[in-house]
Amino acid sequence: MMDGLGSDHTPGRRRGAAAAGKTARVRMSAAQRREQLIATARQLFAERGFDATSIEEVAARAKVSKPVVYEHFGGKEGLYAVVVDREVRNLLDRITTALTAGHPRELLEQAALTLLTYIEEENSGFRVLVRESPLMSSTGNFSSVMNDVAHQVEHILGAEFSSRGYDPKLAELYAQALVGMVALTGRWWLEVRRPGKETVAAHLVNLAWNGLSHLEPKPGLITMRRR
């Protein structure tokens, strides 16, 4: 008698409905699929680099066919370019937003902390940037990103040098030196993760600001003291 309440309660119908629901849940829009492929490729490029990553691996990990990847990006180079461009914009936006202080020492602290925070929070993205880029790419690698950052720092240092009577033409040299020091230390810290990022930033600023002859034995960050 209970069966008369509706044929939808039969075991076969229930299994069919469950299967249909499962299929509906995993179906993605084109935009969602694109984001999934970018995230998947980002992880693979971080783990293996450009050359060792294949479209087959991206498709397999994303559980799609190879033509789906080609449809969205045209090939591995196109996919890589999108991944790198996003990381470049992410890092530059973070640094540009962080450089708000008026004092040069605080600006250096902010730049160092921002880069270390990016490494901490986006280590896969950072690994993509610091790996060798494919030959067809002349921009979008870690070196070009740091050059962009150095140009921003150069303008800040140039104004500071002029106000103090120093040759503003030397601002480019000092900007490259400062950014290079922070960037290379960041690559090292990516692997060791000790000491903490605030301590690393404090010692970077200690060296850059005070010099070897006037190092503070226990440096701290001005920006942290004011919190």
Protein backbone atom coordinates (compact mmCIF):
# COMPACT_ATOMS: atom_id res chain seq x y z
CA MET A 1 0.00 0.00 0.00
CA MET A 2 2.85 2.37 0.78
CA ASP A 3 4.11 2.00 -2.79
CA GLY A 4 0.97 3.65 -3.95
CA LEU A 5 2.16 6.93 -2.41
CA GLY A 6 4.28 7.58 -5.48
CA SER A 7 6.49 5.77 -7.92
CA ASP A 8 9.36 8.24 -7.28
CA HIS A 9 10.15 6.29 -4.10
CA THR A 10 11.28 3.16 -5.93
CA PRO A 11 14.96 2.22 -5.47
CA GLY A 12 15.71 2.69 -9.17
CA ARG A 13 14.22 6.15 -9.25
CA ARG A 14 16.08 7.14 -6.08
CA ARG A 15 19.42 6.04 -7.54
CA GLY A 16 18.68 7.93 -10.74
CA ALA A 17 17.77 11.08 -8.86
CA ALA A 18 20.92 10.85 -6.73
CA ALA A 19 23.09 10.41 -9.81
CA ALA A 20 21.45 13.37 -11.51
CA GLY A 21 21.95 15.51 -8.42
CA LYS A 22 25.61 14.55 -8.24
CA THR A 23 26.13 15.48 -11.88
CA ALA A 24 24.44 18.83 -11.37
CA ARG A 25 26.60 19.65 -8.37
CA VAL A 26 29.91 19.25 -10.23
CA ARG A 27 28.88 21.07 -13.39
CA MET A 28 30.75 24.36 -13.70
CA SER A 29 30.18 27.50 -15.69
CA ALA A 30 32.87 28.52 -18.18
CA ALA A 31 34.18 31.14 -15.74
CA GLN A 32 34.31 28.65 -12.87
CA ARG A 33 36.08 26.10 -15.02
CA ARG A 34 38.63 28.69 -16.08
CA GLU A 35 39.34 29.57 -12.45
CA GLN A 36 39.70 25.90 -11.57
CA LEU A 37 42.22 25.37 -14.38
CA ILE A 38 44.23 28.42 -13.35
CA ALA A 39 44.40 27.22 -9.74
CA THR A 40 45.37 23.72 -10.82
CA ALA A 41 48.08 24.96 -13.20
CA ARG A 42 49.40 27.38 -10.57
CA GLN A 43 50.01 24.48 -8.20
CA LEU A 44 51.65 22.32 -10.86
CA PHE A 45 53.88 25.13 -12.14
CA ALA A 46 54.93 25.80 -8.54
CA GLU A 47 55.74 22.13 -7.94
CA ARG A 48 57.46 21.31 -11.23
CA GLY A 49 58.13 24.45 -13.21
CA PHE A 50 57.00 25.29 -16.72
CA ASP A 51 59.00 22.73 -18.69
CA ALA A 52 58.12 19.75 -16.50
CA THR A 53 54.38 20.51 -16.46
CA SER A 54 52.19 19.21 -19.27
CA ILE A 55 48.69 20.02 -20.41
CA GLU A 56 47.85 16.35 -19.84
CA GLU A 57 48.75 16.71 -16.16
CA VAL A 58 46.72 19.89 -15.77
CA ALA A 59 43.71 18.25 -17.41
CA ALA A 60 44.05 15.07 -15.35
CA ARG A 61 44.31 16.91 -12.03
CA ALA A 62 41.35 19.12 -12.93
CA LYS A 63 39.42 16.04 -14.13
CA VAL A 64 38.71 17.45 -17.58
CA SER A 65 39.79 16.54 -21.09
CA LYS A 66 42.76 18.19 -22.81
CA PRO A 67 40.55 20.03 -25.33
CA VAL A 68 38.89 21.90 -22.44
CA VAL A 69 42.26 23.35 -21.41
CA TYR A 70 43.11 24.29 -25.00
CA GLU A 71 39.69 25.88 -25.41
CA HIS A 72 40.29 28.23 -22.50
CA PHE A 73 43.98 29.08 -22.92
CA GLY A 74 45.17 27.92 -26.35
CA GLY A 75 48.02 25.89 -24.88
CA LYS A 76 50.50 25.65 -22.03
CA GLU A 77 52.15 28.99 -22.81
CA GLY A 78 48.84 30.81 -22.66
CA LEU A 79 47.91 29.16 -19.38
CA TYR A 80 51.30 29.95 -17.88
CA ALA A 81 51.05 33.58 -18.96
CA VAL A 82 47.70 33.97 -17.18
CA VAL A 83 49.03 32.38 -13.98
CA VAL A 84 52.15 34.57 -13.93
CA ASP A 85 50.25 37.75 -14.78
CA ARG A 86 47.95 37.21 -11.82
CA GLU A 87 50.86 36.69 -9.44
CA VAL A 88 52.66 39.77 -10.75
CA ARG A 89 49.57 41.94 -10.24
CA ASN A 90 48.93 40.42 -6.81
CA LEU A 91 52.44 41.14 -5.56
CA LEU A 92 52.70 44.62 -7.06
CA ASP A 93 49.26 45.58 -5.74
CA ARG A 94 50.25 44.44 -2.26
CA ILE A 95 53.48 46.43 -2.29
CA THR A 96 51.93 49.54 -3.82
CA THR A 97 49.16 49.49 -1.21
CA ALA A 98 51.61 48.93 1.64
CA LEU A 99 53.93 51.85 0.85
CA THR A 100 52.02 54.52 2.78
CA ALA A 101 54.49 55.76 5.39
CA GLY A 102 56.30 59.06 5.08
CA HIS A 103 59.59 58.04 6.68
CA PRO A 104 62.02 56.06 4.48
CA ARG A 105 62.78 53.55 7.22
CA GLU A 106 59.11 52.77 7.64
CA LEU A 107 58.72 52.42 3.88
CA LEU A 108 61.53 49.87 3.87
CA GLU A 109 59.85 48.01 6.73
CA GLN A 110 56.55 47.96 4.87
CA ALA A 111 58.12 46.68 1.66
CA ALA A 112 60.02 43.91 3.46
CA LEU A 113 57.00 42.81 5.49
CA THR A 114 54.74 42.87 2.45
CA LEU A 115 57.04 40.62 0.43
CA LEU A 116 57.49 38.18 3.32
CA THR A 117 53.73 38.12 3.93
CA TYR A 118 53.13 37.37 0.26
CA ILE A 119 55.62 34.49 0.47
CA GLU A 120 53.91 33.20 3.61
CA GLU A 121 50.37 33.40 2.24
CA GLU A 122 50.98 32.68 -1.45
CA ASN A 123 53.98 30.36 -1.45
CA SER A 124 52.81 28.53 -4.58
CA GLY A 125 52.50 31.82 -6.45
CA PHE A 126 55.92 32.94 -5.25
CA ARG A 127 57.46 29.64 -6.40
CA VAL A 128 55.96 30.20 -9.84
CA LEU A 129 57.56 33.65 -10.02
CA VAL A 130 61.02 32.63 -8.87
CA ARG A 131 61.27 29.63 -11.18
CA GLU A 132 62.81 30.10 -14.60
CA SER A 133 60.32 31.45 -17.11
CA PRO A 134 59.96 29.86 -20.56
CA LEU A 135 62.18 31.33 -23.26
CA MET A 136 59.29 33.02 -25.04
CA SER A 137 58.55 35.12 -21.96
CA SER A 138 60.66 38.26 -21.52
CA THR A 139 58.47 39.72 -18.79
CA GLY A 140 56.44 38.45 -15.88
CA ASN A 141 59.23 36.64 -14.06
CA PHE A 142 60.52 37.42 -10.60
CA SER A 143 63.32 39.63 -11.89
CA SER A 144 60.92 41.84 -13.84
CA VAL A 145 58.57 42.10 -10.86
CA MET A 146 61.41 43.19 -8.60
CA ASN A 147 62.52 45.72 -11.21
CA ASP A 148 59.03 47.23 -11.11
CA VAL A 149 59.23 47.41 -7.33
CA ALA A 150 62.72 48.95 -7.52
CA HIS A 151 61.41 51.69 -9.82
CA GLN A 152 58.81 52.61 -7.22
CA VAL A 153 61.44 52.65 -4.48
CA GLU A 154 63.72 54.71 -6.73
CA HIS A 155 61.21 57.56 -6.88
CA ILE A 156 60.91 57.54 -3.09
CA LEU A 157 64.68 57.48 -2.58
CA GLY A 158 65.23 60.15 -5.24
CA ALA A 159 63.05 62.63 -3.39
CA GLU A 160 64.70 61.73 -0.08
CA PHE A 161 68.20 62.09 -1.54
CA SER A 162 67.38 65.51 -2.97
CA SER A 163 66.03 66.75 0.36
CA ARG A 164 69.23 65.63 2.11
CA GLY A 165 71.64 67.00 -0.46
CA TYR A 166 72.65 63.62 -1.93
CA ASP A 167 72.96 62.97 -5.66
CA PRO A 168 69.46 61.81 -6.76
CA LYS A 169 71.01 59.98 -9.72
CA LEU A 170 72.24 57.37 -7.25
CA ALA A 171 68.67 56.53 -6.21
CA GLU A 172 68.41 53.85 -8.91
CA LEU A 173 71.53 52.06 -7.65
CA TYR A 174 70.36 52.10 -4.04
CA ALA A 175 66.84 51.02 -5.00
CA GLN A 176 68.16 48.00 -6.87
CA ALA A 177 70.45 47.11 -3.96
CA LEU A 178 67.70 47.37 -1.35
CA VAL A 179 65.05 45.50 -3.32
CA GLY A 180 67.56 42.83 -4.36
CA MET A 181 68.57 42.26 -0.75
CA VAL A 182 64.98 41.84 0.37
CA ALA A 183 64.03 39.65 -2.61
CA LEU A 184 66.95 37.24 -2.26
CA THR A 185 66.38 36.97 1.48
CA GLY A 186 62.74 36.21 0.74
CA ARG A 187 63.74 33.33 -1.54
CA TRP A 188 65.90 31.92 1.24
CA TRP A 189 63.14 32.38 3.84
CA LEU A 190 60.67 30.56 1.58
CA GLU A 191 62.55 27.34 2.30
CA VAL A 192 63.67 27.76 5.92
CA ARG A 193 60.71 29.72 7.38
CA ARG A 194 62.67 30.78 10.41
CA PRO A 195 62.93 33.09 12.20
CA GLY A 196 59.48 34.69 11.90
CA LYS A 197 58.78 37.24 9.19
CA GLU A 198 58.77 40.22 11.56
CA THR A 199 62.21 39.24 12.84
CA VAL A 200 63.54 38.74 9.32
CA ALA A 201 62.16 42.11 8.24
CA ALA A 202 63.67 43.81 11.30
CA HIS A 203 67.13 42.45 10.52
CA LEU A 204 66.85 43.41 6.85
CA VAL A 205 65.98 46.97 7.84
CA ASN A 206 68.73 46.91 10.46
CA LEU A 207 71.34 46.17 7.79
CA ALA A 208 69.89 48.53 5.20
CA TRP A 209 69.27 51.44 7.55
CA ASN A 210 72.14 51.21 10.04
CA GLY A 211 74.85 49.50 8.00
CA LEU A 212 77.25 46.84 9.18
CA SER A 213 79.20 49.28 11.36
CA HIS A 214 76.14 50.37 13.35
CA LEU A 215 73.97 47.27 13.58
CA GLU A 216 71.50 47.15 16.45
CA PRO A 217 71.96 43.96 18.52
CA LYS A 218 68.21 43.46 18.88
CA PRO A 219 66.46 45.32 16.07
CA GLY A 220 62.73 45.88 15.97
CA LEU A 221 60.19 47.35 13.59
CA ILE A 222 58.87 50.86 14.10
CA THR A 223 55.58 49.90 12.49
CA MET A 224 55.13 47.03 14.97
CA ARG A 225 55.91 49.19 17.99
CA ARG A 226 53.10 51.60 17.11
CA ARG A 227 50.41 48.92 17.01
